[in-house]
């Protein structure tokens, strides 16, 4: 059985290897999650350690699905820093380990992120994902609204440029 918990910096440090596996698995599926190729375990770990150091209550939140002490998935909320955007946050790094996909963890993490955002008084979430992918279809199937697509927005791990779909959800 798994549980969804919020990690602080110390938690990220404890689970760095598992978190790095999330990014490596995403790259293996040609999903960048903000990271360029070639992605090594060391670079993936460093990215999580950097995020861990930036976590702050009510500002940057990392939720993970834990099972038997292992991280199976994650979602990160980054609240807007600008004064006129304090009501919104970006959803980042929603990822599930390759060997745990298909169990509904992505949906649970996304729902938990929405609930955590509501608890902070946020009223708008937004995100971007590669257009025409399983991730694109995942958000649309969960009621997120597509705001549009920008062509050649992000470089994929295979080096090609991908259009990105922008989604939002009003809470």
C-alpha atoms as a PDB file:
ATOM      1  CA  UNK A   1       0.000   0.000   0.000  1.00  0.00           C
ATOM      2  CA  UNK A   2       1.265   3.470  -0.797  1.00  0.00           C
ATOM      3  CA  UNK A   3       0.793   6.852   0.833  1.00  0.00           C
ATOM      4  CA  UNK A   4       1.160  10.380  -0.496  1.00  0.00           C
ATOM      5  CA  UNK A   5       3.354  12.582   1.673  1.00  0.00           C
ATOM      6  CA  UNK A   6       4.978  15.996   1.446  1.00  0.00           C
ATOM      7  CA  UNK A   7       8.769  16.019   1.443  1.00  0.00           C
ATOM      8  CA  UNK A   8      10.972  18.726   2.859  1.00  0.00           C
ATOM      9  CA  UNK A   9      14.648  19.198   1.954  1.00  0.00           C
ATOM     10  CA  UNK A  10      15.743  16.421   4.316  1.00  0.00           C
ATOM     11  CA  UNK A  11      13.177  14.099   2.755  1.00  0.00           C
ATOM     12  CA  UNK A  12      14.483  14.900  -0.723  1.00  0.00           C
ATOM     13  CA  UNK A  13      18.011  14.119   0.468  1.00  0.00           C
ATOM     14  CA  UNK A  14      16.817  10.780   1.907  1.00  0.00           C
ATOM     15  CA  UNK A  15      15.034   9.805  -1.303  1.00  0.00           C
ATOM     16  CA  UNK A  16      17.357  11.351  -3.912  1.00  0.00           C
ATOM     17  CA  UNK A  17      18.158   8.081  -5.699  1.00  0.00           C
ATOM     18  CA  UNK A  18      14.466   7.183  -6.063  1.00  0.00           C
ATOM     19  CA  UNK A  19      13.602  10.699  -7.233  1.00  0.00           C
ATOM     20  CA  UNK A  20      16.421  10.589  -9.783  1.00  0.00           C
ATOM     21  CA  UNK A  21      14.954   7.324 -11.109  1.00  0.00           C
ATOM     22  CA  UNK A  22      11.722   9.241 -11.906  1.00  0.00           C
ATOM     23  CA  UNK A  23      13.587  11.626 -14.200  1.00  0.00           C
ATOM     24  CA  UNK A  24      15.606   8.822 -15.793  1.00  0.00           C
ATOM     25  CA  UNK A  25      12.437   6.821 -16.459  1.00  0.00           C
ATOM     26  CA  UNK A  26      10.821   9.900 -18.010  1.00  0.00           C
ATOM     27  CA  UNK A  27      13.814  10.368 -20.295  1.00  0.00           C
ATOM     28  CA  UNK A  28      13.657   6.719 -21.301  1.00  0.00           C
ATOM     29  CA  UNK A  29      10.071   7.459 -22.426  1.00  0.00           C
ATOM     30  CA  UNK A  30      11.309  10.590 -24.312  1.00  0.00           C
ATOM     31  CA  UNK A  31       9.685  12.967 -21.803  1.00  0.00           C
ATOM     32  CA  UNK A  32      12.063  15.730 -20.736  1.00  0.00           C
ATOM     33  CA  UNK A  33      10.569  17.049 -17.445  1.00  0.00           C
ATOM     34  CA  UNK A  34      12.786  20.074 -17.928  1.00  0.00           C
ATOM     35  CA  UNK A  35      16.031  18.124 -18.284  1.00  0.00           C
ATOM     36  CA  UNK A  36      18.238  17.939 -21.372  1.00  0.00           C
ATOM     37  CA  UNK A  37      19.923  14.794 -22.637  1.00  0.00           C
ATOM     38  CA  UNK A  38      22.093  13.008 -21.969  1.00  0.00           C
ATOM     39  CA  UNK A  39      20.693  12.636 -18.482  1.00  0.00           C
ATOM     40  CA  UNK A  40      22.840  10.826 -15.963  1.00  0.00           C
ATOM     41  CA  UNK A  41      21.855   9.611 -12.525  1.00  0.00           C
ATOM     42  CA  UNK A  42      24.149  12.290 -11.078  1.00  0.00           C
ATOM     43  CA  UNK A  43      22.494  15.136 -13.017  1.00  0.00           C
ATOM     44  CA  UNK A  44      19.035  13.839 -12.140  1.00  0.00           C
ATOM     45  CA  UNK A  45      19.976  13.623  -8.458  1.00  0.00           C
ATOM     46  CA  UNK A  46      21.461  17.134  -8.534  1.00  0.00           C
ATOM     47  CA  UNK A  47      18.223  18.502 -10.029  1.00  0.00           C
ATOM     48  CA  UNK A  48      16.222  17.062  -7.130  1.00  0.00           C
ATOM     49  CA  UNK A  49      18.719  18.305  -4.549  1.00  0.00           C
ATOM     50  CA  UNK A  50      18.423  21.796  -6.047  1.00  0.00           C
ATOM     51  CA  UNK A  51      14.634  21.554  -5.842  1.00  0.00           C
ATOM     52  CA  UNK A  52      14.835  20.256  -2.267  1.00  0.00           C
ATOM     53  CA  UNK A  53      16.906  23.274  -1.251  1.00  0.00           C
ATOM     54  CA  UNK A  54      14.245  25.561  -2.788  1.00  0.00           C
ATOM     55  CA  UNK A  55      11.238  23.944  -1.076  1.00  0.00           C
ATOM     56  CA  UNK A  56       9.391  26.378   1.162  1.00  0.00           C
ATOM     57  CA  UNK A  57       6.069  25.972   2.983  1.00  0.00           C
ATOM     58  CA  UNK A  58       3.254  27.484   0.953  1.00  0.00           C
ATOM     59  CA  UNK A  59       5.598  28.388  -1.919  1.00  0.00           C
ATOM     60  CA  UNK A  60       7.254  25.252  -3.335  1.00  0.00           C
ATOM     61  CA  UNK A  61       5.730  21.924  -2.369  1.00  0.00           C
ATOM     62  CA  UNK A  62       6.798  18.410  -3.322  1.00  0.00           C
ATOM     63  CA  UNK A  63       4.373  15.540  -2.866  1.00  0.00           C
ATOM     64  CA  UNK A  64       5.472  11.945  -3.423  1.00  0.00           C
ATOM     65  CA  UNK A  65       3.825   8.551  -3.469  1.00  0.00           C
ATOM     66  CA  UNK A  66       5.747   6.247  -1.110  1.00  0.00           C
ATOM     67  CA  UNK A  67       5.465   2.475  -0.946  1.00  0.00           C
ATOM     68  CA  UNK A  68       7.695   0.383   1.312  1.00  0.00           C
ATOM     69  CA  UNK A  69       9.957   3.405   1.730  1.00  0.00           C
ATOM     70  CA  UNK A  70      10.437   3.874  -2.041  1.00  0.00           C
ATOM     71  CA  UNK A  71       9.318   6.891  -4.061  1.00  0.00           C
ATOM     72  CA  UNK A  72       7.014   5.740  -6.854  1.00  0.00           C
ATOM     73  CA  UNK A  73       5.878   9.146  -8.093  1.00  0.00           C
ATOM     74  CA  UNK A  74       6.026  12.882  -7.548  1.00  0.00           C
ATOM     75  CA  UNK A  75       4.324  16.188  -8.198  1.00  0.00           C
ATOM     76  CA  UNK A  76       5.751  19.642  -7.483  1.00  0.00           C
ATOM     77  CA  UNK A  77       3.752  22.856  -7.018  1.00  0.00           C
ATOM     78  CA  UNK A  78       5.547  26.165  -7.574  1.00  0.00           C
ATOM     79  CA  UNK A  79       3.514  29.149  -6.439  1.00  0.00           C
ATOM     80  CA  UNK A  80       3.865  32.289  -8.539  1.00  0.00           C
ATOM     81  CA  UNK A  81       6.237  34.783  -6.942  1.00  0.00           C
ATOM     82  CA  UNK A  82       4.772  37.903  -8.574  1.00  0.00           C
ATOM     83  CA  UNK A  83       2.339  39.913  -6.492  1.00  0.00           C
ATOM     84  CA  UNK A  84      -0.543  39.726  -8.926  1.00  0.00           C
ATOM     85  CA  UNK A  85      -0.148  35.962  -9.349  1.00  0.00           C
ATOM     86  CA  UNK A  86      -0.132  34.719  -5.772  1.00  0.00           C
ATOM     87  CA  UNK A  87      -3.422  32.913  -6.423  1.00  0.00           C
ATOM     88  CA  UNK A  88      -1.794  30.472  -8.885  1.00  0.00           C
ATOM     89  CA  UNK A  89       0.863  27.782  -9.050  1.00  0.00           C
ATOM     90  CA  UNK A  90       2.556  25.762 -11.754  1.00  0.00           C
ATOM     91  CA  UNK A  91       2.366  21.981 -11.591  1.00  0.00           C
ATOM     92  CA  UNK A  92       5.774  20.514 -12.368  1.00  0.00           C
ATOM     93  CA  UNK A  93       7.423  17.105 -12.463  1.00  0.00           C
ATOM     94  CA  UNK A  94       4.349  14.945 -12.241  1.00  0.00           C
ATOM     95  CA  UNK A  95       6.061  11.614 -12.815  1.00  0.00           C
ATOM     96  CA  UNK A  96       5.562   7.962 -11.961  1.00  0.00           C
ATOM     97  CA  UNK A  97       8.230   5.252 -12.043  1.00  0.00           C
ATOM     98  CA  UNK A  98       8.020   3.085 -15.140  1.00  0.00           C
ATOM     99  CA  UNK A  99       7.458  -0.052 -13.046  1.00  0.00           C
ATOM    100  CA  UNK A 100       4.549   1.588 -11.162  1.00  0.00           C
ATOM    101  CA  UNK A 101       2.646   3.104 -14.092  1.00  0.00           C
ATOM    102  CA  UNK A 102      -0.919   2.040 -14.787  1.00  0.00           C
ATOM    103  CA  UNK A 103      -1.894   1.870 -11.102  1.00  0.00           C
ATOM    104  CA  UNK A 104      -3.513   5.306 -10.922  1.00  0.00           C
ATOM    105  CA  UNK A 105      -0.651   6.962  -9.027  1.00  0.00           C
ATOM    106  CA  UNK A 106      -0.421   9.857 -11.479  1.00  0.00           C
ATOM    107  CA  UNK A 107      -4.105  10.626 -10.983  1.00  0.00           C
ATOM    108  CA  UNK A 108      -3.747  10.379  -7.206  1.00  0.00           C
ATOM    109  CA  UNK A 109      -0.721  12.656  -7.154  1.00  0.00           C
ATOM    110  CA  UNK A 110      -2.449  15.208  -9.386  1.00  0.00           C
ATOM    111  CA  UNK A 111      -5.554  15.157  -7.157  1.00  0.00           C
ATOM    112  CA  UNK A 112      -3.390  15.473  -4.026  1.00  0.00           C
ATOM    113  CA  UNK A 113      -1.609  18.445  -5.577  1.00  0.00           C
ATOM    114  CA  UNK A 114      -4.958  20.094  -6.297  1.00  0.00           C
ATOM    115  CA  UNK A 115      -6.115  19.507  -2.717  1.00  0.00           C
ATOM    116  CA  UNK A 116      -2.865  20.883  -1.305  1.00  0.00           C
ATOM    117  CA  UNK A 117      -3.238  23.948  -3.546  1.00  0.00           C
ATOM    118  CA  UNK A 118      -6.823  24.498  -2.346  1.00  0.00           C
ATOM    119  CA  UNK A 119      -5.554  24.288   1.225  1.00  0.00           C
ATOM    120  CA  UNK A 120      -3.146  27.116   0.450  1.00  0.00           C
ATOM    121  CA  UNK A 121      -5.976  29.244  -0.934  1.00  0.00           C
ATOM    122  CA  UNK A 122      -4.800  28.900  -4.537  1.00  0.00           C
ATOM    123  CA  UNK A 123      -7.517  29.175  -7.156  1.00  0.00           C
ATOM    124  CA  UNK A 124      -5.650  28.418 -10.390  1.00  0.00           C
ATOM    125  CA  UNK A 125      -3.148  25.747 -11.418  1.00  0.00           C
ATOM    126  CA  UNK A 126      -1.365  25.556 -14.756  1.00  0.00           C
ATOM    127  CA  UNK A 127       1.124  23.279 -16.459  1.00  0.00           C
ATOM    128  CA  UNK A 128       2.760  22.467 -19.736  1.00  0.00           C
ATOM    129  CA  UNK A 129       3.406  19.095 -21.345  1.00  0.00           C
ATOM    130  CA  UNK A 130       4.496  17.801 -24.719  1.00  0.00           C
ATOM    131  CA  UNK A 131       1.572  17.961 -27.156  1.00  0.00           C
ATOM    132  CA  UNK A 132       0.262  14.761 -28.690  1.00  0.00           C
ATOM    133  CA  UNK A 133       1.680  12.496 -25.974  1.00  0.00           C
ATOM    134  CA  UNK A 134       0.183  10.253 -23.324  1.00  0.00           C
ATOM    135  CA  UNK A 135       0.772  13.095 -20.850  1.00  0.00           C
ATOM    136  CA  UNK A 136      -1.227  15.476 -23.020  1.00  0.00           C
ATOM    137  CA  UNK A 137      -4.130  13.014 -23.111  1.00  0.00           C
ATOM    138  CA  UNK A 138      -3.755  12.321 -19.360  1.00  0.00           C
ATOM    139  CA  UNK A 139      -4.482  15.941 -18.359  1.00  0.00           C
ATOM    140  CA  UNK A 140      -7.316  16.350 -20.854  1.00  0.00           C
ATOM    141  CA  UNK A 141      -8.948  13.157 -19.551  1.00  0.00           C
ATOM    142  CA  UNK A 142      -8.850  14.539 -16.002  1.00  0.00           C
ATOM    143  CA  UNK A 143     -10.750  17.695 -16.847  1.00  0.00           C
ATOM    144  CA  UNK A 144      -7.872  20.118 -17.289  1.00  0.00           C
ATOM    145  CA  UNK A 145      -8.564  22.829 -19.885  1.00  0.00           C
ATOM    146  CA  UNK A 146      -6.174  23.250 -22.791  1.00  0.00           C
ATOM    147  CA  UNK A 147      -5.179  26.902 -23.198  1.00  0.00           C
ATOM    148  CA  UNK A 148      -3.223  26.349 -26.400  1.00  0.00           C
ATOM    149  CA  UNK A 149      -0.147  24.844 -28.018  1.00  0.00           C
ATOM    150  CA  UNK A 150       3.206  26.461 -28.796  1.00  0.00           C
ATOM    151  CA  UNK A 151       5.208  24.745 -31.537  1.00  0.00           C
ATOM    152  CA  UNK A 152       8.885  23.808 -31.078  1.00  0.00           C
ATOM    153  CA  UNK A 153       8.662  24.788 -27.403  1.00  0.00           C
ATOM    154  CA  UNK A 154      10.901  22.181 -25.755  1.00  0.00           C
ATOM    155  CA  UNK A 155      13.696  19.836 -26.699  1.00  0.00           C
ATOM    156  CA  UNK A 156      12.969  16.163 -26.109  1.00  0.00           C
ATOM    157  CA  UNK A 157      15.603  13.722 -24.863  1.00  0.00           C
ATOM    158  CA  UNK A 158      15.973  12.410 -28.437  1.00  0.00           C
ATOM    159  CA  UNK A 159      16.995  15.928 -29.530  1.00  0.00           C
ATOM    160  CA  UNK A 160      13.848  16.786 -31.482  1.00  0.00           C
ATOM    161  CA  UNK A 161      11.774  19.860 -30.711  1.00  0.00           C
ATOM    162  CA  UNK A 162       8.259  19.273 -29.414  1.00  0.00           C
ATOM    163  CA  UNK A 163       5.162  21.396 -29.363  1.00  0.00           C
ATOM    164  CA  UNK A 164       3.905  21.935 -25.842  1.00  0.00           C
ATOM    165  CA  UNK A 165       0.310  22.055 -24.726  1.00  0.00           C
ATOM    166  CA  UNK A 166      -0.564  24.456 -21.919  1.00  0.00           C
ATOM    167  CA  UNK A 167      -3.294  23.417 -19.490  1.00  0.00           C
ATOM    168  CA  UNK A 168      -5.028  25.074 -16.558  1.00  0.00           C
ATOM    169  CA  UNK A 169      -7.484  24.085 -13.835  1.00  0.00           C
ATOM    170  CA  UNK A 170      -9.639  26.458 -11.837  1.00  0.00           C
ATOM    171  CA  UNK A 171      -9.939  25.268  -8.251  1.00  0.00           C
END
